[in-house]
C-alpha atoms as a PDB file:
ATOM      1  CA  MET A   1      49.422 -78.081  36.525  1.00  0.00           C
ATOM      2  CA  LEU A   2      47.209 -75.440  34.660  1.00  0.00           C
ATOM      3  CA  GLN A   3      44.632 -73.481  36.121  1.00  0.00           C
ATOM      4  CA  VAL A   4      41.876 -71.816  34.227  1.00  0.00           C
ATOM      5  CA  GLY A   5      41.463 -68.610  35.033  1.00  0.00           C
ATOM      6  CA  LYS A   6      38.756 -66.633  37.142  1.00  0.00           C
ATOM      7  CA  GLU A   7      37.758 -64.372  33.865  1.00  0.00           C
ATOM      8  CA  LYS A   8      33.992 -65.164  33.400  1.00  0.00           C
ATOM      9  CA  VAL A   9      31.590 -64.458  30.630  1.00  0.00           C
ATOM     10  CA  GLU A  10      28.098 -64.983  30.944  1.00  0.00           C
ATOM     11  CA  SER A  11      27.998 -66.163  27.338  1.00  0.00           C
ATOM     12  CA  GLN A  12      30.395 -68.464  27.565  1.00  0.00           C
ATOM     13  CA  LYS A  13      29.059 -70.230  31.130  1.00  0.00           C
ATOM     14  CA  VAL A  14      25.502 -70.655  29.607  1.00  0.00           C
ATOM     15  CA  SER A  15      27.078 -71.945  26.719  1.00  0.00           C
ATOM     16  CA  LEU A  16      29.153 -74.557  28.467  1.00  0.00           C
ATOM     17  CA  VAL A  17      26.355 -75.200  31.044  1.00  0.00           C
ATOM     18  CA  GLU A  18      24.192 -76.479  28.088  1.00  0.00           C
ATOM     19  CA  ASN A  19      26.289 -78.556  26.293  1.00  0.00           C
ATOM     20  CA  ILE A  20      27.634 -80.298  29.635  1.00  0.00           C
ATOM     21  CA  SER A  21      23.653 -80.574  30.691  1.00  0.00           C
ATOM     22  CA  LYS A  22      22.777 -82.276  26.924  1.00  0.00           C
ATOM     23  CA  LYS A  23      21.077 -85.839  26.939  1.00  0.00           C
ATOM     24  CA  TYR A  24      24.010 -87.917  25.711  1.00  0.00           C
ATOM     25  CA  GLU A  25      24.610 -91.637  25.479  1.00  0.00           C
ATOM     26  CA  ALA A  26      27.653 -92.300  26.711  1.00  0.00           C
ATOM     27  CA  GLY A  27      30.010 -95.127  25.278  1.00  0.00           C
ATOM     28  CA  GLU A  28      32.271 -97.147  26.763  1.00  0.00           C
ATOM     29  CA  ASP A  29      34.573 -94.654  27.040  1.00  0.00           C
ATOM     30  CA  GLY A  30      32.341 -92.539  28.969  1.00  0.00           C
ATOM     31  CA  LEU A  31      33.132 -89.510  26.386  1.00  0.00           C
ATOM     32  CA  ASN A  32      30.291 -87.091  25.379  1.00  0.00           C
ATOM     33  CA  PRO A  33      30.386 -86.657  21.885  1.00  0.00           C
ATOM     34  CA  ASP A  34      29.479 -82.717  22.216  1.00  0.00           C
ATOM     35  CA  LEU A  35      32.096 -81.623  23.727  1.00  0.00           C
ATOM     36  CA  ASN A  36      35.194 -80.578  21.354  1.00  0.00           C
ATOM     37  CA  PHE A  37      37.455 -78.120  20.729  1.00  0.00           C
ATOM     38  CA  GLN A  38      35.049 -76.633  18.015  1.00  0.00           C
ATOM     39  CA  ASN A  39      32.776 -75.678  20.317  1.00  0.00           C
ATOM     40  CA  PHE A  40      34.667 -74.883  23.714  1.00  0.00           C
ATOM     41  CA  VAL A  41      34.141 -71.375  23.765  1.00  0.00           C
ATOM     42  CA  ASN A  42      37.991 -70.374  24.595  1.00  0.00           C
ATOM     43  CA  GLY A  43      38.803 -66.948  26.585  1.00  0.00           C
ATOM     44  CA  SER A  44      42.005 -64.770  27.991  1.00  0.00           C
ATOM     45  CA  ASN A  45      41.422 -67.148  31.224  1.00  0.00           C
ATOM     46  CA  SER A  46      41.693 -70.336  29.127  1.00  0.00           C
ATOM     47  CA  ASP A  47      44.180 -69.558  26.830  1.00  0.00           C
ATOM     48  CA  ILE A  48      47.444 -72.011  28.339  1.00  0.00           C
ATOM     49  CA  ALA A  49      44.280 -74.601  29.208  1.00  0.00           C
ATOM     50  CA  PHE A  50      43.217 -74.550  25.971  1.00  0.00           C
ATOM     51  CA  ALA A  51      46.670 -74.978  24.522  1.00  0.00           C
ATOM     52  CA  ALA A  52      48.225 -77.671  26.234  1.00  0.00           C
ATOM     53  CA  ALA A  53      44.270 -79.878  26.075  1.00  0.00           C
ATOM     54  CA  GLN A  54      45.027 -79.217  22.250  1.00  0.00           C
ATOM     55  CA  ALA A  55      48.251 -80.006  21.984  1.00  0.00           C
ATOM     56  CA  VAL A  56      47.772 -83.287  23.489  1.00  0.00           C
ATOM     57  CA  GLY A  57      45.157 -84.467  21.900  1.00  0.00           C
ATOM     58  CA  ASP A  58      46.540 -83.737  18.771  1.00  0.00           C
ATOM     59  CA  ASN A  59      49.806 -85.256  19.883  1.00  0.00           C
ATOM     60  CA  VAL A  60      48.767 -87.716  22.613  1.00  0.00           C
ATOM     61  CA  GLN A  61      51.004 -90.423  21.774  1.00  0.00           C
ATOM     62  CA  GLU A  62      54.446 -87.922  22.335  1.00  0.00           C
ATOM     63  CA  ASN A  63      53.068 -87.851  26.233  1.00  0.00           C
ATOM     64  CA  LYS A  64      54.613 -84.016  26.158  1.00  0.00           C
ATOM     65  CA  TYR A  65      52.430 -82.976  28.979  1.00  0.00           C
ATOM     66  CA  ASN A  66      51.762 -86.122  31.368  1.00  0.00           C
ATOM     67  CA  PRO A  67      50.598 -86.117  33.531  1.00  0.00           C
ATOM     68  CA  LEU A  68      48.153 -83.159  32.226  1.00  0.00           C
ATOM     69  CA  PHE A  69      46.088 -81.299  35.470  1.00  0.00           C
ATOM     70  CA  ILE A  70      43.716 -79.025  34.957  1.00  0.00           C
ATOM     71  CA  CYS A  71      42.676 -76.641  37.613  1.00  0.00           C
ATOM     72  CA  GLY A  72      39.739 -73.433  38.167  1.00  0.00           C
ATOM     73  CA  ASP A  73      37.181 -72.628  39.673  1.00  0.00           C
ATOM     74  CA  VAL A  74      33.444 -74.395  39.025  1.00  0.00           C
ATOM     75  CA  GLY A  75      31.760 -73.678  35.650  1.00  0.00           C
ATOM     76  CA  LEU A  76      34.874 -72.958  33.504  1.00  0.00           C
ATOM     77  CA  GLY A  77      35.140 -75.605  31.157  1.00  0.00           C
ATOM     78  CA  LYS A  78      37.382 -77.899  32.538  1.00  0.00           C
ATOM     79  CA  THR A  79      35.066 -81.361  31.799  1.00  0.00           C
ATOM     80  CA  HIS A  80      34.690 -79.682  28.176  1.00  0.00           C
ATOM     81  CA  LEU A  81      38.244 -79.481  27.738  1.00  0.00           C
ATOM     82  CA  ILE A  82      39.105 -82.727  28.969  1.00  0.00           C
ATOM     83  CA  GLN A  83      36.199 -84.519  27.095  1.00  0.00           C
ATOM     84  CA  ALA A  84      37.651 -82.511  23.943  1.00  0.00           C
ATOM     85  CA  ILE A  85      40.876 -83.665  24.377  1.00  0.00           C
ATOM     86  CA  GLY A  86      39.405 -87.772  24.371  1.00  0.00           C
ATOM     87  CA  ASN A  87      36.758 -86.906  21.504  1.00  0.00           C
ATOM     88  CA  ASN A  88      39.795 -85.462  19.159  1.00  0.00           C
ATOM     89  CA  VAL A  89      42.128 -88.672  19.569  1.00  0.00           C
ATOM     90  CA  LYS A  90      39.029 -90.934  18.515  1.00  0.00           C
ATOM     91  CA  SER A  91      38.343 -88.541  15.310  1.00  0.00           C
ATOM     92  CA  VAL A  92      41.966 -88.713  14.436  1.00  0.00           C
ATOM     93  CA  GLY A  93      41.464 -92.607  14.195  1.00  0.00           C
ATOM     94  CA  HIS A  94      43.923 -93.656  17.023  1.00  0.00           C
ATOM     95  CA  ASN A  95      43.214 -97.260  17.911  1.00  0.00           C
ATOM     96  CA  LEU A  96      43.625 -96.319  21.755  1.00  0.00           C
ATOM     97  CA  LYS A  97      41.816 -96.898  24.369  1.00  0.00           C
ATOM     98  CA  ILE A  98      40.296 -93.939  26.443  1.00  0.00           C
ATOM     99  CA  ARG A  99      38.286 -93.608  29.722  1.00  0.00           C
ATOM    100  CA  TYR A 100      36.438 -90.779  30.740  1.00  0.00           C
ATOM    101  CA  THR A 101      34.870 -91.189  34.221  1.00  0.00           C
ATOM    102  CA  ASN A 102      34.761 -88.883  37.545  1.00  0.00           C
ATOM    103  CA  SER A 103      36.049 -89.396  41.081  1.00  0.00           C
ATOM    104  CA  GLU A 104      32.728 -90.253  41.788  1.00  0.00           C
ATOM    105  CA  GLU A 105      32.243 -93.067  39.439  1.00  0.00           C
ATOM    106  CA  PHE A 106      35.916 -94.504  40.000  1.00  0.00           C
ATOM    107  CA  THR A 107      35.334 -94.606  43.736  1.00  0.00           C
ATOM    108  CA  ASN A 108      31.764 -96.487  43.480  1.00  0.00           C
ATOM    109  CA  GLU A 109      34.148 -98.608  41.345  1.00  0.00           C
ATOM    110  CA  VAL A 110      36.758 -98.982  43.517  1.00  0.00           C
ATOM    111  CA  ILE A 111      33.838 -99.326  46.506  1.00  0.00           C
ATOM    112  CA  ASN A 112      32.266-102.129  44.792  1.00  0.00           C
ATOM    113  CA  GLY A 113      35.255-103.736  44.034  1.00  0.00           C
ATOM    114  CA  ILE A 114      36.001-104.103  46.937  1.00  0.00           C
ATOM    115  CA  ARG A 115      32.577-105.103  48.435  1.00  0.00           C
ATOM    116  CA  TYR A 116      32.203-108.185  45.789  1.00  0.00           C
ATOM    117  CA  ARG A 117      35.734-109.209  45.718  1.00  0.00           C
ATOM    118  CA  LYS A 118      36.274-107.869  42.054  1.00  0.00           C
ATOM    119  CA  ASN A 119      39.205-106.007  42.686  1.00  0.00           C
ATOM    120  CA  HIS A 120      41.243-107.484  40.209  1.00  0.00           C
ATOM    121  CA  GLU A 121      38.386-106.781  37.740  1.00  0.00           C
ATOM    122  CA  ILE A 122      39.075-102.855  38.484  1.00  0.00           C
ATOM    123  CA  ARG A 123      42.655-102.903  38.422  1.00  0.00           C
ATOM    124  CA  THR A 124      42.558-104.535  34.945  1.00  0.00           C
ATOM    125  CA  LYS A 125      39.793-102.469  33.408  1.00  0.00           C
ATOM    126  CA  TYR A 126      41.890 -98.937  34.295  1.00  0.00           C
ATOM    127  CA  ARG A 127      45.486-100.420  33.636  1.00  0.00           C
ATOM    128  CA  ALA A 128      44.561-101.553  30.267  1.00  0.00           C
ATOM    129  CA  ILE A 129      44.107 -98.743  28.695  1.00  0.00           C
ATOM    130  CA  ASP A 130      45.759 -95.826  27.218  1.00  0.00           C
ATOM    131  CA  ILE A 131      44.754 -92.598  28.206  1.00  0.00           C
ATOM    132  CA  LEU A 132      42.651 -92.080  31.347  1.00  0.00           C
ATOM    133  CA  LEU A 133      40.706 -89.146  32.024  1.00  0.00           C
ATOM    134  CA  ILE A 134      38.981 -87.993  35.531  1.00  0.00           C
ATOM    135  CA  ASP A 135      37.436 -85.625  36.743  1.00  0.00           C
ATOM    136  CA  ASP A 136      37.126 -83.526  39.448  1.00  0.00           C
ATOM    137  CA  ILE A 137      39.836 -85.269  41.305  1.00  0.00           C
ATOM    138  CA  GLN A 138      39.975 -83.508  44.508  1.00  0.00           C
ATOM    139  CA  PHE A 139      36.811 -85.540  45.579  1.00  0.00           C
ATOM    140  CA  LEU A 140      39.195 -88.546  46.213  1.00  0.00           C
ATOM    141  CA  GLU A 141      40.425 -86.711  49.521  1.00  0.00           C
ATOM    142  CA  ASN A 142      39.407 -88.860  52.811  1.00  0.00           C
ATOM    143  CA  LYS A 143      38.921 -91.699  50.929  1.00  0.00           C
ATOM    144  CA  GLU A 144      42.192 -93.869  51.451  1.00  0.00           C
ATOM    145  CA  SER A 145      40.735 -97.096  49.553  1.00  0.00           C
ATOM    146  CA  THR A 146      40.151 -95.256  46.535  1.00  0.00           C
ATOM    147  CA  GLN A 147      43.204 -93.201  46.430  1.00  0.00           C
ATOM    148  CA  GLU A 148      45.479 -96.017  47.374  1.00  0.00           C
ATOM    149  CA  GLU A 149      44.051 -97.712  44.070  1.00  0.00           C
ATOM    150  CA  PHE A 150      44.553 -94.782  41.845  1.00  0.00           C
ATOM    151  CA  PHE A 151      48.140 -94.648  43.250  1.00  0.00           C
ATOM    152  CA  HIS A 152      48.579 -97.665  42.142  1.00  0.00           C
ATOM    153  CA  ILE A 153      46.580 -97.536  38.656  1.00  0.00           C
ATOM    154  CA  PHE A 154      48.373 -94.057  38.728  1.00  0.00           C
ATOM    155  CA  ASN A 155      51.918 -95.314  38.694  1.00  0.00           C
ATOM    156  CA  GLU A 156      51.134 -98.027  36.426  1.00  0.00           C
ATOM    157  CA  LEU A 157      49.909 -96.165  33.582  1.00  0.00           C
ATOM    158  CA  ILE A 158      52.702 -93.438  34.040  1.00  0.00           C
ATOM    159  CA  GLN A 159      55.273 -95.901  33.718  1.00  0.00           C
ATOM    160  CA  ASN A 160      53.889 -97.726  30.763  1.00  0.00           C
ATOM    161  CA  LYS A 161      54.018 -93.909  28.964  1.00  0.00           C
ATOM    162  CA  LYS A 162      50.213 -94.008  29.065  1.00  0.00           C
ATOM    163  CA  GLN A 163      48.295 -90.917  29.227  1.00  0.00           C
ATOM    164  CA  ILE A 164      46.805 -89.295  32.429  1.00  0.00           C
ATOM    165  CA  ILE A 165      44.777 -86.031  32.622  1.00  0.00           C
ATOM    166  CA  LEU A 166      43.036 -84.820  36.065  1.00  0.00           C
ATOM    167  CA  THR A 167      40.752 -81.962  36.571  1.00  0.00           C
ATOM    168  CA  ALA A 168      39.918 -80.575  40.101  1.00  0.00           C
ATOM    169  CA  ASP A 169      38.629 -77.293  41.323  1.00  0.00           C
END
């Protein structure tokens, strides 16, 4: 587990908010192409998280940090870092299936899968990917069905040496 520190620089915070709030069309992978390592404003508060994220993004098939869990306060760049990992892997040309989602989207997919009896489709979708990026995993608290589904997906991906990257406040 890596923690993004509490040191805050106002210009970094403004830059990050501007990047995240830009309108973009997420592809099937859910990634925002504007969030990459080149425009991440790294400070002393995020050196370790940044280095680990770059290590995973540069050598994802080695699974050096798997799962990678990044935690820290709101607005310090966790979303930017995990999106940068996915975008870096895509830019290197690996033919890997990547999926970025946040806990709310994941929960909605699981609930709809249960409601419309399409659990199998959800399981197949998430178990067939190579890199799973889930933002704000703390919001799965008290959502037993979603936690259970995530647990099974997590185990399957780890057993098959697939990369998992999570963030939490």
